[in-house]
N, C-alpha and C. Protein backbone atom coordinates (compact mmCIF):
# COMPACT_ATOMS: atom_id res chain seq x y z
N UNK A 1 12.74 -10.11 -13.22
CA UNK A 1 13.76 -9.15 -12.88
C UNK A 1 13.51 -8.60 -11.47
N UNK A 2 14.54 -8.52 -10.68
CA UNK A 2 14.42 -8.02 -9.31
C UNK A 2 14.46 -6.50 -9.30
N UNK A 3 13.68 -5.93 -8.38
CA UNK A 3 13.65 -4.48 -8.20
C UNK A 3 13.81 -4.17 -6.70
N UNK A 4 14.62 -3.18 -6.39
CA UNK A 4 14.72 -2.73 -5.00
C UNK A 4 13.74 -1.58 -4.85
N UNK A 5 12.83 -1.79 -3.94
CA UNK A 5 11.69 -0.91 -3.78
C UNK A 5 11.70 -0.27 -2.39
N UNK A 6 11.30 0.99 -2.32
CA UNK A 6 11.09 1.65 -1.03
C UNK A 6 9.59 1.74 -0.81
N UNK A 7 9.18 1.44 0.42
CA UNK A 7 7.77 1.46 0.77
C UNK A 7 7.54 2.62 1.75
N UNK A 8 6.55 3.45 1.42
CA UNK A 8 6.19 4.58 2.26
C UNK A 8 4.75 4.41 2.73
N UNK A 9 4.48 4.83 3.96
CA UNK A 9 3.10 4.79 4.43
C UNK A 9 2.56 6.20 4.51
N UNK A 10 1.25 6.29 4.39
CA UNK A 10 0.58 7.58 4.45
C UNK A 10 0.27 7.93 5.90
N UNK A 11 0.56 9.17 6.30
CA UNK A 11 0.18 9.59 7.64
C UNK A 11 -1.30 9.96 7.72
N UNK A 12 -1.95 10.05 6.57
CA UNK A 12 -3.36 10.48 6.53
C UNK A 12 -4.35 9.33 6.47
N UNK A 13 -3.93 8.22 5.89
CA UNK A 13 -4.86 7.10 5.70
C UNK A 13 -4.20 5.82 6.17
N UNK A 14 -4.78 5.21 7.19
CA UNK A 14 -4.25 3.98 7.73
C UNK A 14 -4.20 2.88 6.66
N UNK A 15 -3.09 2.19 6.60
CA UNK A 15 -2.88 1.06 5.68
C UNK A 15 -2.83 1.46 4.21
N UNK A 16 -2.49 2.70 3.92
CA UNK A 16 -2.24 3.13 2.54
C UNK A 16 -0.73 3.23 2.37
N UNK A 17 -0.21 2.56 1.33
CA UNK A 17 1.23 2.51 1.10
C UNK A 17 1.57 2.87 -0.33
N UNK A 18 2.75 3.43 -0.50
CA UNK A 18 3.26 3.80 -1.82
C UNK A 18 4.55 3.04 -2.05
N UNK A 19 4.61 2.28 -3.15
CA UNK A 19 5.80 1.53 -3.54
C UNK A 19 6.48 2.32 -4.64
N UNK A 20 7.78 2.56 -4.50
CA UNK A 20 8.56 3.23 -5.54
C UNK A 20 9.89 2.51 -5.69
N UNK A 21 10.52 2.68 -6.86
CA UNK A 21 11.86 2.14 -7.02
C UNK A 21 12.80 2.96 -6.14
N UNK A 22 13.64 2.29 -5.39
CA UNK A 22 14.53 2.99 -4.47
C UNK A 22 15.40 4.00 -5.22
N UNK A 23 15.86 3.64 -6.40
CA UNK A 23 16.74 4.52 -7.17
C UNK A 23 16.03 5.80 -7.62
N UNK A 24 14.71 5.75 -7.80
CA UNK A 24 13.94 6.92 -8.24
C UNK A 24 13.39 7.72 -7.06
N UNK A 25 13.32 7.09 -5.90
CA UNK A 25 12.67 7.67 -4.72
C UNK A 25 11.27 8.13 -5.11
N UNK A 26 10.90 9.33 -4.79
CA UNK A 26 9.52 9.81 -5.05
C UNK A 26 9.43 10.67 -6.31
N UNK A 27 10.49 10.69 -7.12
CA UNK A 27 10.55 11.56 -8.31
C UNK A 27 9.41 11.33 -9.31
N UNK A 28 8.95 10.09 -9.46
CA UNK A 28 7.93 9.78 -10.48
C UNK A 28 6.50 9.80 -9.96
N UNK A 29 6.33 10.10 -8.68
CA UNK A 29 4.99 10.14 -8.08
C UNK A 29 4.38 11.52 -8.37
N UNK A 30 3.19 11.56 -8.98
CA UNK A 30 2.57 12.85 -9.29
C UNK A 30 2.36 13.70 -8.03
N UNK A 31 2.56 15.01 -8.19
CA UNK A 31 2.43 15.95 -7.07
C UNK A 31 1.05 15.88 -6.42
N UNK A 32 0.00 15.73 -7.24
CA UNK A 32 -1.37 15.64 -6.69
C UNK A 32 -1.53 14.42 -5.79
N UNK A 33 -0.94 13.31 -6.20
CA UNK A 33 -1.01 12.10 -5.38
C UNK A 33 -0.27 12.30 -4.06
N UNK A 34 0.90 12.91 -4.13
CA UNK A 34 1.66 13.16 -2.90
C UNK A 34 0.92 14.10 -1.96
N UNK A 35 0.21 15.07 -2.50
CA UNK A 35 -0.57 15.99 -1.65
C UNK A 35 -1.68 15.23 -0.93
N UNK A 36 -2.38 14.37 -1.67
CA UNK A 36 -3.48 13.59 -1.08
C UNK A 36 -2.93 12.54 -0.10
N UNK A 37 -1.78 11.97 -0.42
CA UNK A 37 -1.16 10.93 0.39
C UNK A 37 -0.66 11.48 1.73
N UNK A 38 -0.18 12.72 1.71
CA UNK A 38 0.43 13.32 2.88
C UNK A 38 1.93 13.10 2.85
N UNK A 39 2.65 13.70 3.78
CA UNK A 39 4.11 13.52 3.79
C UNK A 39 4.48 12.04 3.94
N UNK A 40 5.08 11.44 2.89
CA UNK A 40 5.40 10.00 2.95
C UNK A 40 6.35 9.68 4.09
N UNK A 41 6.03 8.61 4.80
CA UNK A 41 6.87 8.13 5.90
C UNK A 41 7.51 6.81 5.47
N UNK A 42 8.84 6.84 5.29
CA UNK A 42 9.55 5.64 4.84
C UNK A 42 9.40 4.54 5.89
N UNK A 43 8.95 3.36 5.44
CA UNK A 43 8.79 2.25 6.37
C UNK A 43 9.90 1.22 6.22
N UNK A 44 10.20 0.83 4.99
CA UNK A 44 11.28 -0.13 4.77
C UNK A 44 11.56 -0.25 3.27
N UNK A 45 12.67 -0.92 2.95
CA UNK A 45 13.04 -1.25 1.57
C UNK A 45 12.86 -2.75 1.40
N UNK A 46 12.55 -3.14 0.17
CA UNK A 46 12.21 -4.53 -0.11
C UNK A 46 12.68 -4.90 -1.51
N UNK A 47 13.20 -6.10 -1.67
CA UNK A 47 13.55 -6.60 -3.00
C UNK A 47 12.32 -7.31 -3.55
N UNK A 48 11.84 -6.84 -4.69
CA UNK A 48 10.66 -7.45 -5.32
C UNK A 48 11.08 -8.23 -6.55
N UNK A 49 10.47 -9.39 -6.73
CA UNK A 49 10.66 -10.21 -7.93
C UNK A 49 9.35 -10.95 -8.18
N UNK A 50 9.14 -11.45 -9.39
CA UNK A 50 7.89 -12.16 -9.68
C UNK A 50 7.61 -13.34 -8.75
N UNK A 51 8.65 -13.91 -8.16
CA UNK A 51 8.47 -15.07 -7.27
C UNK A 51 8.03 -14.68 -5.86
N UNK A 52 8.20 -13.43 -5.51
CA UNK A 52 7.89 -12.99 -4.15
C UNK A 52 6.39 -12.86 -3.95
N UNK A 53 5.92 -13.28 -2.81
CA UNK A 53 4.50 -13.14 -2.45
C UNK A 53 4.34 -11.90 -1.58
N UNK A 54 3.30 -11.15 -1.81
CA UNK A 54 2.94 -10.01 -0.97
C UNK A 54 1.62 -10.33 -0.30
N UNK A 55 1.45 -9.86 0.92
CA UNK A 55 0.26 -10.25 1.68
C UNK A 55 -1.04 -9.70 1.11
N UNK A 56 -1.04 -8.45 0.61
CA UNK A 56 -2.30 -7.87 0.15
C UNK A 56 -2.29 -7.41 -1.30
N UNK A 57 -1.17 -7.52 -1.96
CA UNK A 57 -1.06 -7.03 -3.34
C UNK A 57 -0.62 -8.14 -4.27
N UNK A 58 -1.02 -8.01 -5.52
CA UNK A 58 -0.59 -8.93 -6.57
C UNK A 58 0.79 -8.47 -7.05
N UNK A 59 1.81 -9.29 -6.87
CA UNK A 59 3.18 -8.92 -7.20
C UNK A 59 3.32 -8.52 -8.67
N UNK A 60 2.60 -9.20 -9.56
CA UNK A 60 2.70 -8.88 -10.99
C UNK A 60 2.15 -7.48 -11.26
N UNK A 61 1.09 -7.11 -10.58
CA UNK A 61 0.50 -5.77 -10.75
C UNK A 61 1.43 -4.70 -10.19
N UNK A 62 2.03 -4.98 -9.03
CA UNK A 62 2.96 -4.02 -8.43
C UNK A 62 4.14 -3.79 -9.37
N UNK A 63 4.75 -4.87 -9.87
CA UNK A 63 5.89 -4.74 -10.78
C UNK A 63 5.50 -4.03 -12.07
N UNK A 64 4.32 -4.33 -12.60
CA UNK A 64 3.86 -3.67 -13.83
C UNK A 64 3.68 -2.17 -13.59
N UNK A 65 3.09 -1.81 -12.47
CA UNK A 65 2.90 -0.39 -12.16
C UNK A 65 4.24 0.33 -11.96
N UNK A 66 5.19 -0.34 -11.32
CA UNK A 66 6.51 0.26 -11.16
C UNK A 66 7.17 0.50 -12.51
N UNK A 67 7.04 -0.46 -13.43
CA UNK A 67 7.62 -0.31 -14.78
C UNK A 67 6.91 0.76 -15.59
N UNK A 68 5.59 0.76 -15.52
CA UNK A 68 4.78 1.65 -16.36
C UNK A 68 4.75 3.09 -15.85
N UNK A 69 4.51 3.28 -14.54
CA UNK A 69 4.31 4.64 -14.04
C UNK A 69 5.34 5.07 -12.99
N UNK A 70 6.15 4.12 -12.53
CA UNK A 70 7.19 4.48 -11.56
C UNK A 70 6.77 4.39 -10.11
N UNK A 71 5.54 3.95 -9.85
CA UNK A 71 5.05 3.79 -8.47
C UNK A 71 3.86 2.85 -8.47
N UNK A 72 3.53 2.37 -7.28
CA UNK A 72 2.32 1.57 -7.07
C UNK A 72 1.69 2.04 -5.77
N UNK A 73 0.39 2.32 -5.81
CA UNK A 73 -0.33 2.77 -4.63
C UNK A 73 -1.15 1.61 -4.09
N UNK A 74 -0.89 1.25 -2.84
CA UNK A 74 -1.67 0.20 -2.17
C UNK A 74 -2.73 0.89 -1.32
N UNK A 75 -3.97 0.65 -1.66
CA UNK A 75 -5.09 1.25 -0.95
C UNK A 75 -5.41 0.44 0.30
N UNK A 76 -6.01 1.09 1.30
CA UNK A 76 -6.43 0.34 2.49
C UNK A 76 -7.53 -0.65 2.13
N UNK A 77 -7.68 -1.72 2.92
CA UNK A 77 -8.77 -2.66 2.64
C UNK A 77 -10.12 -1.97 2.83
N UNK A 78 -11.12 -2.47 2.14
CA UNK A 78 -12.47 -1.93 2.28
C UNK A 78 -12.96 -2.15 3.71
N UNK A 79 -13.82 -1.28 4.18
CA UNK A 79 -14.34 -1.41 5.55
C UNK A 79 -15.01 -2.76 5.77
N UNK A 80 -15.63 -3.29 4.73
CA UNK A 80 -16.28 -4.61 4.85
C UNK A 80 -15.28 -5.67 5.28
N UNK A 81 -14.05 -5.58 4.80
CA UNK A 81 -13.03 -6.56 5.17
C UNK A 81 -12.70 -6.47 6.65
N UNK A 82 -12.70 -5.27 7.20
CA UNK A 82 -12.45 -5.11 8.64
C UNK A 82 -13.58 -5.77 9.43
N UNK A 83 -14.80 -5.47 9.04
CA UNK A 83 -15.98 -5.97 9.75
C UNK A 83 -16.04 -7.49 9.69
N UNK A 84 -15.68 -8.05 8.55
CA UNK A 84 -15.68 -9.49 8.37
C UNK A 84 -14.85 -10.21 9.43
N UNK A 85 -13.78 -9.59 9.87
CA UNK A 85 -12.84 -10.24 10.77
C UNK A 85 -13.03 -9.87 12.24
N UNK A 86 -14.03 -9.06 12.55
CA UNK A 86 -14.29 -8.72 13.94
C UNK A 86 -14.93 -9.90 14.66
N UNK A 87 -14.55 -10.12 15.89
CA UNK A 87 -15.19 -11.19 16.66
C UNK A 87 -16.67 -10.89 16.84
N UNK A 88 -17.47 -11.93 16.89
CA UNK A 88 -18.92 -11.80 17.05
C UNK A 88 -19.28 -10.93 18.26
N UNK A 89 -18.53 -11.07 19.34
CA UNK A 89 -18.81 -10.31 20.55
C UNK A 89 -18.78 -8.80 20.29
N UNK A 90 -17.79 -8.35 19.53
CA UNK A 90 -17.69 -6.92 19.22
C UNK A 90 -18.84 -6.47 18.32
N UNK A 91 -19.21 -7.32 17.39
CA UNK A 91 -20.32 -6.97 16.50
C UNK A 91 -21.61 -6.84 17.28
N UNK A 92 -21.84 -7.75 18.25
CA UNK A 92 -23.06 -7.70 19.07
C UNK A 92 -23.12 -6.44 19.92
N UNK A 93 -21.99 -5.98 20.41
CA UNK A 93 -21.96 -4.77 21.23
C UNK A 93 -22.46 -3.56 20.47
N UNK A 94 -22.29 -3.57 19.18
CA UNK A 94 -22.69 -2.42 18.36
C UNK A 94 -24.12 -2.54 17.83
N UNK A 95 -24.78 -3.66 18.10
CA UNK A 95 -26.17 -3.81 17.66
C UNK A 95 -27.08 -2.87 18.44
N UNK A 96 -28.02 -2.20 17.76
CA UNK A 96 -28.97 -1.36 18.49
C UNK A 96 -29.88 -2.23 19.36
N UNK A 97 -30.26 -1.70 20.51
CA UNK A 97 -31.09 -2.46 21.45
C UNK A 97 -32.54 -2.41 21.08
């Protein structure tokens, strides 16, 4: 089943996103989560279906969370993932002498 989803980014945490059903907007997101997330900044709307691929999230989990709780929170990648992709030159610059 297709769902029209609105994606919001957090102004407080880089690469943290909140997926909600467009028709519900932010109504089903708990107040505590919204406080921690910061004022949501709408980034775009997206049609989600089981066939769609997402770059960092499992589509089945996103759809399940939307059905079950009315939202899906995408957390930023772990710092290890950032470090993994840094060029060797940058890593060497940070080595203690």
